[in-house]
């Protein structure tokens, strides 16, 4: 709030998520209202719909998407293995003698 009041930052609130993003102020003028409305009206597909749209418009091939999926899966697996390796291992105590003294009936 202080940065905005002092003019050292510009805040933009997204109406769909209510997230607030701060930017440094620019010397450029604001875009015309028509351009801002057109930009806000653009709907970007998410997830698999986005990938299908990229393939349909020939911006990515199915092979490239498969390579990306494999690379992402490998990164996730490596991260999980590193996390597992970082856990401290419990030390094992030497062999213990286990007795059931409660079963000894006066022997």
Protein backbone atom coordinates (compact mmCIF):
# COMPACT_ATOMS: atom_id res chain seq x y z
CA UNK A 1 0.00 0.00 0.00
CA UNK A 2 2.81 2.37 0.88
CA UNK A 3 4.58 1.83 -2.45
CA UNK A 4 1.36 2.46 -4.36
CA UNK A 5 0.61 5.67 -2.43
CA UNK A 6 4.16 6.92 -3.06
CA UNK A 7 3.83 6.12 -6.78
CA UNK A 8 6.70 3.64 -6.69
CA UNK A 9 4.49 0.70 -7.74
CA UNK A 10 1.38 0.00 -9.79
CA UNK A 11 -1.09 -2.66 -8.62
CA UNK A 12 -3.25 -4.74 -10.93
CA UNK A 13 -5.99 -6.95 -9.52
CA UNK A 14 -7.17 -9.96 -11.47
CA UNK A 15 -10.96 -10.24 -11.19
CA UNK A 16 -11.03 -14.01 -11.66
CA UNK A 17 -8.59 -14.91 -8.88
CA UNK A 18 -8.46 -11.69 -6.86
CA UNK A 19 -4.67 -11.89 -7.01
CA UNK A 20 -2.88 -8.59 -6.78
CA UNK A 21 0.27 -8.06 -8.83
CA UNK A 22 2.68 -5.18 -8.27
CA UNK A 23 4.71 -3.67 -11.09
CA UNK A 24 7.18 -0.84 -11.25
CA UNK A 25 5.57 2.22 -12.82
CA UNK A 26 6.41 2.81 -16.48
CA UNK A 27 6.84 6.00 -18.42
CA UNK A 28 4.58 4.68 -21.19
CA UNK A 29 0.96 5.75 -21.48
CA UNK A 30 -1.89 3.36 -20.77
CA UNK A 31 -3.23 1.29 -23.67
CA UNK A 32 -6.52 2.44 -25.22
CA UNK A 33 -9.70 1.10 -23.60
CA UNK A 34 -10.66 -0.86 -26.73
CA UNK A 35 -7.34 -2.70 -26.76
CA UNK A 36 -7.58 -3.46 -23.03
CA UNK A 37 -11.12 -4.81 -23.47
CA UNK A 38 -10.05 -6.98 -26.41
CA UNK A 39 -7.08 -8.31 -24.43
CA UNK A 40 -9.27 -9.13 -21.42
CA UNK A 41 -11.79 -10.93 -23.65
CA UNK A 42 -9.19 -13.41 -24.94
CA UNK A 43 -9.72 -16.84 -23.37
CA UNK A 44 -6.64 -19.02 -23.15
CA UNK A 45 -7.36 -22.76 -22.91
CA UNK A 46 -5.83 -24.62 -19.97
CA UNK A 47 -4.16 -28.00 -19.55
CA UNK A 48 -4.88 -30.58 -22.23
CA UNK A 49 -7.08 -28.12 -24.16
CA UNK A 50 -4.10 -25.77 -24.52
CA UNK A 51 -1.87 -28.58 -25.76
CA UNK A 52 -4.52 -29.69 -28.26
CA UNK A 53 -4.85 -26.12 -29.53
CA UNK A 54 -1.06 -25.83 -29.96
CA UNK A 55 -0.96 -29.07 -31.93
CA UNK A 56 -3.97 -28.04 -34.02
CA UNK A 57 -2.34 -24.72 -34.95
CA UNK A 58 0.94 -26.53 -35.65
CA UNK A 59 2.87 -24.60 -33.03
CA UNK A 60 3.96 -27.86 -31.36
CA UNK A 61 4.00 -31.42 -32.59
CA UNK A 62 2.71 -34.43 -30.69
CA UNK A 63 6.27 -35.73 -30.50
CA UNK A 64 7.45 -32.54 -28.81
CA UNK A 65 4.63 -32.80 -26.28
CA UNK A 66 5.59 -36.42 -25.54
CA UNK A 67 9.21 -35.37 -25.01
CA UNK A 68 8.05 -32.65 -22.61
CA UNK A 69 5.85 -35.09 -20.69
CA UNK A 70 8.71 -37.59 -20.40
CA UNK A 71 11.12 -34.88 -19.26
CA UNK A 72 8.64 -33.65 -16.67
CA UNK A 73 8.00 -37.18 -15.38
CA UNK A 74 11.76 -37.78 -15.11
CA UNK A 75 12.22 -34.53 -13.19
CA UNK A 76 9.44 -35.44 -10.77
CA UNK A 77 10.93 -38.91 -10.25
CA UNK A 78 14.41 -37.47 -9.66
CA UNK A 79 13.02 -34.96 -7.17
CA UNK A 80 11.21 -37.72 -5.26
CA UNK A 81 14.34 -39.89 -5.20
CA UNK A 82 16.44 -36.98 -3.96
CA UNK A 83 13.87 -36.29 -1.26
CA UNK A 84 13.89 -39.97 -0.25
CA UNK A 85 17.71 -40.03 -0.19
CA UNK A 86 17.84 -36.90 1.97
CA UNK A 87 15.82 -38.52 4.76
CA UNK A 88 18.03 -39.66 7.62
CA UNK A 89 18.22 -43.41 7.92
CA UNK A 90 17.56 -44.93 11.30
CA UNK A 91 20.50 -46.70 12.81
CA UNK A 92 19.98 -50.35 13.53
CA UNK A 93 20.92 -51.61 16.90
CA UNK A 94 22.91 -54.84 17.01
CA UNK A 95 21.12 -58.10 17.49
CA UNK A 96 18.84 -58.25 20.49
CA UNK A 97 17.89 -61.27 22.47
CA UNK A 98 14.15 -61.63 22.54
CA UNK A 99 12.77 -63.52 25.47
CA UNK A 100 9.27 -64.38 26.45
CA UNK A 101 9.77 -64.61 30.17
CA UNK A 102 6.06 -64.50 30.76
CA UNK A 103 5.80 -67.88 29.04
CA UNK A 104 8.30 -69.55 31.34
CA UNK A 105 6.12 -71.35 33.86
CA UNK A 106 8.69 -72.20 36.46
CA UNK A 107 11.21 -74.11 34.36
